[in-house]
Structures are given as C-alpha cells and as structure tokens.
Protein backbone atom coordinates (compact mmCIF):
# COMPACT_ATOMS: atom_id res chain seq x y z
CA MET A 1 0.02 0.06 -0.01
CA ILE A 2 1.23 3.54 -0.76
CA GLU A 3 1.62 5.89 2.13
CA LYS A 4 -0.07 9.11 1.87
CA GLY A 5 2.51 11.75 2.80
CA LYS A 6 1.67 15.34 4.00
CA ILE A 7 3.66 18.28 3.49
CA SER A 8 3.89 21.45 5.53
CA ALA A 9 3.00 24.99 4.51
CA PHE A 10 6.64 25.91 4.50
CA GLN A 11 7.45 22.95 2.18
CA LEU A 12 4.43 24.00 -0.17
CA GLY A 13 5.85 27.60 -0.13
CA LYS A 14 9.26 26.35 -1.11
CA MET A 15 7.88 24.26 -3.95
CA ILE A 16 5.82 27.26 -5.20
CA TYR A 17 8.80 29.62 -5.01
CA LEU A 18 10.95 27.31 -6.92
CA ALA A 19 8.33 26.89 -9.54
CA ILE A 20 7.41 30.63 -9.91
CA THR A 21 10.80 32.26 -9.51
CA PRO A 22 12.48 30.80 -12.76
CA THR A 23 9.48 31.50 -14.64
CA ALA A 24 9.45 35.19 -13.57
CA ILE A 25 13.09 35.48 -14.30
CA LEU A 26 12.72 34.12 -17.87
CA THR A 27 9.56 35.70 -18.92
CA ALA A 28 9.33 39.08 -17.11
CA PRO A 29 12.20 40.67 -19.28
CA GLY A 30 10.63 39.72 -22.54
CA ILE A 31 7.16 40.99 -21.54
CA THR A 32 8.78 44.24 -20.14
CA TYR A 33 10.65 44.74 -23.35
CA LYS A 34 7.45 44.33 -25.40
CA PHE A 35 6.10 47.51 -23.91
CA ALA A 36 9.10 49.51 -22.67
CA ARG A 37 11.51 48.97 -25.69
CA GLN A 38 14.49 51.29 -25.15
CA ASP A 39 13.34 52.23 -21.70
CA LEU A 40 13.77 48.78 -20.37
CA TRP A 41 16.62 49.98 -18.05
CA LEU A 42 14.04 51.93 -15.97
CA SER A 43 12.38 48.82 -14.69
CA PRO A 44 14.73 47.88 -11.96
CA ILE A 45 14.67 51.40 -10.71
CA TRP A 46 10.88 51.22 -10.41
CA ALA A 47 11.24 47.99 -8.61
CA PHE A 48 13.73 49.33 -6.16
CA SER A 49 11.48 52.34 -5.54
CA GLY A 50 8.72 49.89 -4.69
CA LEU A 51 11.04 48.24 -2.16
CA ILE A 52 11.83 51.63 -0.71
CA ALA A 53 8.04 52.29 -0.25
CA VAL A 54 7.64 48.75 1.43
CA PHE A 55 10.50 49.69 3.89
CA ALA A 56 8.93 53.11 4.63
CA ALA A 57 5.39 51.48 5.42
CA LEU A 58 7.04 48.90 7.60
CA ARG A 59 8.98 51.59 9.56
CA LEU A 60 6.08 53.61 10.02
CA HIS A 61 4.12 50.56 11.39
CA ARG A 62 6.89 49.70 13.84
CA LEU A 63 7.12 53.44 14.92
CA TYR A 64 3.38 53.94 15.29
CA PRO A 65 1.81 50.43 15.95
CA GLY A 66 -1.93 50.19 16.00
CA GLN A 67 -2.48 53.42 13.90
CA ASN A 68 -3.49 53.68 10.35
CA ILE A 69 -1.67 56.06 7.88
CA VAL A 70 -3.88 59.08 8.57
CA GLN A 71 -3.47 58.66 12.40
CA ALA A 72 0.28 58.44 11.91
CA CYS A 73 0.32 61.52 9.70
CA GLU A 74 -1.63 63.48 12.27
CA ARG A 75 1.00 62.52 14.97
CA ILE A 76 3.92 63.30 12.77
CA LEU A 77 2.79 66.47 11.03
CA GLY A 78 0.30 67.92 13.56
CA ARG A 79 -3.40 67.98 13.55
CA PHE A 80 -4.18 70.28 10.62
CA PRO A 81 -1.43 69.30 8.15
CA GLY A 82 -1.98 65.61 9.07
CA LYS A 83 -5.69 65.79 8.19
CA ILE A 84 -4.89 67.42 4.96
CA ILE A 85 -2.33 64.65 3.95
CA GLY A 86 -4.82 61.98 5.26
CA GLY A 87 -7.54 63.52 3.12
CA ALA A 88 -5.17 63.42 0.13
CA TYR A 89 -4.68 59.73 0.75
CA TRP A 90 -8.24 59.07 1.17
CA LEU A 91 -9.01 60.87 -2.10
CA PHE A 92 -6.19 59.02 -3.85
CA TYR A 93 -7.32 55.62 -2.79
CA LEU A 94 -11.11 56.63 -3.46
CA SER A 95 -10.35 57.41 -7.09
C-alpha cells in the first residue's frame, strides 16, 4: 500500500517559490521589453522604488503600532497638516 504523505505549509511555499521564480526571471524581461523597448533599463529602478515604499511602510508601522496612515500623519505633522495629508490619501485611494 502507498503511504499518503503530508507536506507542511513551509514546504509548499518552497515548492511554489521554486516553480514561480525561474518562470518570472525568464519571462518578465521579454514582457517588459514588449512595452518598454529602449526604456527597459528603468524597470529595475521602479522595482527598487517599490522596495523603498515597502520599507517606509514597515518602518512607520513599527514606529506607530496600531495606527493607520492618517493617524500616523496627524501624529507626525500635527493635527491640521496631518488631516490634509490624510484627506489626500483618502481621495487618492477613493479614485
């Protein structure tokens, strides 16, 4: 009789990572070139700026735990400027 083995979530994550990463490495540059052409060199810069945004969001979360972005803006900038920036975020995500 064949034994039915079980894998953990971590093992499944590793398998998915090992399947998706080579595909992304091989196909992403071709797709990007199709749209960007001679501006392909800008793609890594945009990717790095995304990492900077994630780092900033994580840092704000660590400095102001339990607060959303609007509350953190009010605490950093003051009541009135924080509400203006919070309203700008609200309008940006609403549209």
